[in-house]
Amino acid sequence: MPARAAASWPRITGWLAEHAPATARLVNPPATPVDLRYLEAAMNRPLPADLIELLQLADGTEHRAIRGSVIPFHYNLVPVMDMLAIRRMWQKIEASPLLAGADIPRWLDAYLPIADAADAGVMFVNLSDGPSYGAVCEWYPEGGGGAAQQWSSVGQMLDDVAAAMVDRRPMTRVRGVPYLPEVDEGSLHWFKVCD
């Protein structure tokens, strides 16, 4: 059975409230049904059930790594309207005549940003038809990084984050490096676990 956001998100927010209150305060309330319908219509593709579930619990966060990062190692979930704005930005970059014929990773219309980082990194859900539908990938076009799948679903991502927080189980999905949470002045940050 696939991981569900409704099972993991309360574990995450409960841990944040107890251990990282500055980060917990920045979690947005749920997205509205209107926002969810607008998002699905704008994407012109069905959204994975676990992404809808997450957005019905929280419409991202209101900050960008200023007071911590919810997703290792420096990502924060973005609200629905920011998802679409980030997507439009990458579509414009992709359409630039400067990229014509360039041998670089390409941004696809089926990519839906769900988290961003201060250094231009993006986590997106792949809405392409096929076996990668619903997968959460990291996008780092700088230096030819392109898209790399990190989790098979939003639910799996949240399950891993919750396990790292609550169970202190190092998370190894992001770039194959083990991460655990730490709190600094009430804000959540992630650190690499050393041998």
Protein backbone atom coordinates (compact mmCIF):
# COMPACT_ATOMS: atom_id res chain seq x y z
CA MET A 1 0.00 0.00 0.00
CA PRO A 2 1.46 3.40 -0.95
CA ALA A 3 2.44 5.85 1.79
CA ARG A 4 -0.26 8.39 2.51
CA ALA A 5 0.26 12.04 3.33
CA ALA A 6 -2.52 11.92 5.93
CA ALA A 7 -0.51 9.41 7.98
CA SER A 8 2.87 11.19 7.83
CA TRP A 9 1.99 14.90 7.83
CA PRO A 10 0.58 14.93 11.41
CA ARG A 11 3.78 13.22 12.61
CA ILE A 12 5.83 15.93 10.87
CA THR A 13 3.78 18.86 12.17
CA GLY A 14 3.61 17.36 15.67
CA TRP A 15 7.41 17.01 15.75
CA LEU A 16 7.83 20.55 14.41
CA ALA A 17 5.47 21.97 17.05
CA GLU A 18 7.41 20.27 19.84
CA HIS A 19 10.99 20.68 18.58
CA ALA A 20 11.07 23.43 15.92
CA PRO A 21 8.28 25.89 16.74
CA ALA A 22 9.70 28.67 14.52
CA THR A 23 9.40 26.36 11.52
CA ALA A 24 6.03 24.95 12.66
CA ARG A 25 4.48 28.44 12.73
CA LEU A 26 5.29 28.90 9.05
CA VAL A 27 3.26 25.94 7.77
CA ASN A 28 0.31 27.32 5.81
CA PRO A 29 -3.32 26.29 6.33
CA PRO A 30 -4.85 23.89 3.79
CA ALA A 31 -5.28 24.86 0.14
CA THR A 32 -8.85 25.71 -0.81
CA PRO A 33 -10.90 23.40 -3.04
CA VAL A 34 -10.90 26.22 -5.61
CA ASP A 35 -7.07 26.33 -5.58
CA LEU A 36 -6.90 22.55 -6.05
CA ARG A 37 -9.33 22.63 -9.00
CA TYR A 38 -7.36 25.53 -10.51
CA LEU A 39 -4.07 23.64 -10.10
CA GLU A 40 -5.40 20.52 -11.79
CA ALA A 41 -6.94 22.57 -14.62
CA ALA A 42 -3.69 24.54 -15.12
CA MET A 43 -1.68 21.31 -15.30
CA ASN A 44 -4.28 19.69 -17.58
CA ARG A 45 -3.35 16.39 -15.94
CA PRO A 46 -4.68 14.45 -12.96
CA LEU A 47 -2.85 15.10 -9.71
CA PRO A 48 -1.63 12.17 -7.57
CA ALA A 49 -3.93 11.41 -4.64
CA ASP A 50 -1.12 11.84 -2.08
CA LEU A 51 -0.29 15.33 -3.40
CA ILE A 52 -3.96 16.34 -3.14
CA GLU A 53 -4.02 14.88 0.37
CA LEU A 54 -0.98 16.94 1.38
CA LEU A 55 -2.43 20.14 -0.07
CA GLN A 56 -5.69 19.50 1.81
CA LEU A 57 -3.58 19.47 5.00
CA ALA A 58 -1.20 22.36 4.22
CA ASP A 59 -0.72 24.72 1.30
CA GLY A 60 3.06 24.72 1.57
CA THR A 61 4.97 27.06 3.84
CA GLU A 62 5.26 30.82 3.95
CA HIS A 63 9.04 30.98 3.92
CA ARG A 64 12.03 29.95 1.86
CA ALA A 65 14.68 28.40 4.14
CA ILE A 66 14.87 31.48 6.33
CA ARG A 67 13.66 29.62 9.40
CA GLY A 68 14.55 26.08 8.48
CA SER A 69 13.74 23.56 5.80
CA VAL A 70 10.97 20.98 6.04
CA ILE A 71 12.39 18.71 3.30
CA PRO A 72 16.09 17.71 3.38
CA PHE A 73 18.36 19.20 2.94
CA HIS A 74 17.18 22.75 2.24
CA TYR A 75 13.76 22.56 0.59
CA ASN A 76 10.45 24.06 1.64
CA LEU A 77 7.04 23.14 0.31
CA VAL A 78 5.51 25.90 -1.80
CA PRO A 79 1.85 27.02 -1.96
CA VAL A 80 -0.30 26.13 -4.96
CA MET A 81 0.03 29.53 -6.63
CA ASP A 82 3.82 29.45 -6.21
CA MET A 83 3.87 25.97 -7.78
CA LEU A 84 2.34 27.44 -10.91
CA ALA A 85 4.55 30.55 -10.85
CA ILE A 86 7.74 28.47 -10.59
CA ARG A 87 6.48 26.22 -13.39
CA ARG A 88 5.77 29.26 -15.62
CA MET A 89 9.27 30.60 -14.91
CA TRP A 90 10.87 27.31 -16.02
CA GLN A 91 8.61 27.16 -19.08
CA LYS A 92 9.78 30.65 -20.08
CA ILE A 93 13.40 29.69 -19.57
CA GLU A 94 12.83 26.53 -21.61
CA ALA A 95 11.28 28.58 -24.44
CA SER A 96 14.23 30.99 -24.58
CA PRO A 97 15.93 31.16 -27.99
CA LEU A 98 19.24 31.09 -26.11
CA LEU A 99 18.58 27.44 -25.27
CA ALA A 100 17.82 26.34 -28.83
CA GLY A 101 20.01 23.37 -29.63
CA ALA A 102 21.73 23.45 -26.24
CA ASP A 103 22.74 20.10 -24.81
CA ILE A 104 21.29 20.67 -21.34
CA PRO A 105 18.61 19.04 -19.18
CA ARG A 106 15.13 20.10 -20.27
CA TRP A 107 12.18 21.18 -18.13
CA LEU A 108 9.02 19.29 -19.15
CA ASP A 109 5.46 20.62 -19.00
CA ALA A 110 4.50 17.60 -16.88
CA TYR A 111 6.77 18.74 -14.03
CA LEU A 112 4.87 20.33 -11.12
CA PRO A 113 7.13 22.12 -8.59
CA ILE A 114 6.21 21.32 -4.97
CA ALA A 115 9.26 22.65 -3.10
CA ASP A 116 12.08 25.07 -3.73
CA ALA A 117 15.43 25.98 -2.26
CA ALA A 118 17.28 29.25 -1.89
CA ASP A 119 19.91 28.07 -4.39
CA ALA A 120 17.42 27.60 -7.30
CA GLY A 121 16.89 23.89 -6.69
CA VAL A 122 13.35 22.59 -7.17
CA MET A 123 11.56 19.43 -6.07
CA PHE A 124 8.80 18.52 -8.49
CA VAL A 125 6.19 15.83 -8.97
CA ASN A 126 6.45 14.14 -12.35
CA LEU A 127 2.99 14.06 -13.92
CA SER A 128 4.19 12.37 -17.13
CA ASP A 129 2.33 9.26 -18.19
CA GLY A 130 4.16 6.06 -17.36
CA PRO A 131 5.94 4.41 -14.45
CA SER A 132 7.40 7.69 -13.11
CA TYR A 133 3.96 9.28 -12.66
CA GLY A 134 3.80 10.78 -9.18
CA ALA A 135 7.54 10.49 -8.48
CA VAL A 136 9.23 13.33 -6.60
CA CYS A 137 12.36 14.51 -8.37
CA GLU A 138 15.05 17.08 -7.71
CA TRP A 139 15.81 19.61 -10.46
CA TYR A 140 19.25 21.18 -10.54
CA PRO A 141 19.93 22.41 -14.06
CA GLU A 142 23.11 24.22 -13.02
CA GLY A 143 26.13 22.23 -14.11
CA GLY A 144 23.99 19.74 -16.03
CA GLY A 145 22.27 18.36 -12.93
CA GLY A 146 18.84 18.06 -14.50
CA ALA A 147 16.13 15.92 -12.94
CA ALA A 148 16.85 13.06 -10.55
CA GLN A 149 14.14 10.97 -8.90
CA GLN A 150 14.38 11.00 -5.12
CA TRP A 151 11.10 9.30 -4.06
CA SER A 152 8.44 7.29 -5.88
CA SER A 153 5.66 9.49 -4.43
CA VAL A 154 4.83 12.47 -2.23
CA GLY A 155 3.60 10.02 0.41
CA GLN A 156 6.94 8.21 0.43
CA MET A 157 8.79 11.52 0.76
CA LEU A 158 6.67 12.55 3.73
CA ASP A 159 7.02 9.10 5.32
CA ASP A 160 10.82 9.38 5.10
CA VAL A 161 10.79 12.92 6.54
CA ALA A 162 8.53 11.83 9.42
CA ALA A 163 10.72 8.79 10.16
CA ALA A 164 13.86 10.96 10.24
CA MET A 165 12.20 13.40 12.63
CA VAL A 166 10.23 11.12 14.94
CA ASP A 167 12.20 7.86 14.76
CA ARG A 168 15.66 9.43 14.16
CA ARG A 169 16.08 7.13 11.14
CA PRO A 170 18.61 8.80 8.81
CA MET A 171 17.12 9.73 5.49
CA THR A 172 19.23 8.71 2.50
CA ARG A 173 17.03 9.50 -0.49
CA VAL A 174 18.33 12.98 -1.30
CA ARG A 175 21.52 12.42 -3.29
CA GLY A 176 22.20 9.18 -1.41
CA VAL A 177 23.52 11.10 1.61
CA PRO A 178 22.14 10.31 5.11
CA TYR A 179 20.43 13.28 6.78
CA LEU A 180 18.89 13.85 10.20
CA PRO A 181 17.07 16.92 11.52
CA GLU A 182 18.54 19.36 13.99
CA VAL A 183 17.04 22.45 15.52
CA ASP A 184 18.76 25.81 15.83
CA GLU A 185 16.87 28.59 17.64
CA GLY A 186 13.55 26.87 16.99
CA SER A 187 14.20 26.34 13.27
CA LEU A 188 14.57 22.98 11.55
CA HIS A 189 17.72 22.27 9.56
CA TRP A 190 19.15 19.04 8.17
CA PHE A 191 22.69 17.81 8.70
CA LYS A 192 24.68 15.05 7.05
CA VAL A 193 25.25 12.06 9.26
CA CYS A 194 28.96 11.25 9.42
CA ASP A 195 30.33 7.74 9.81
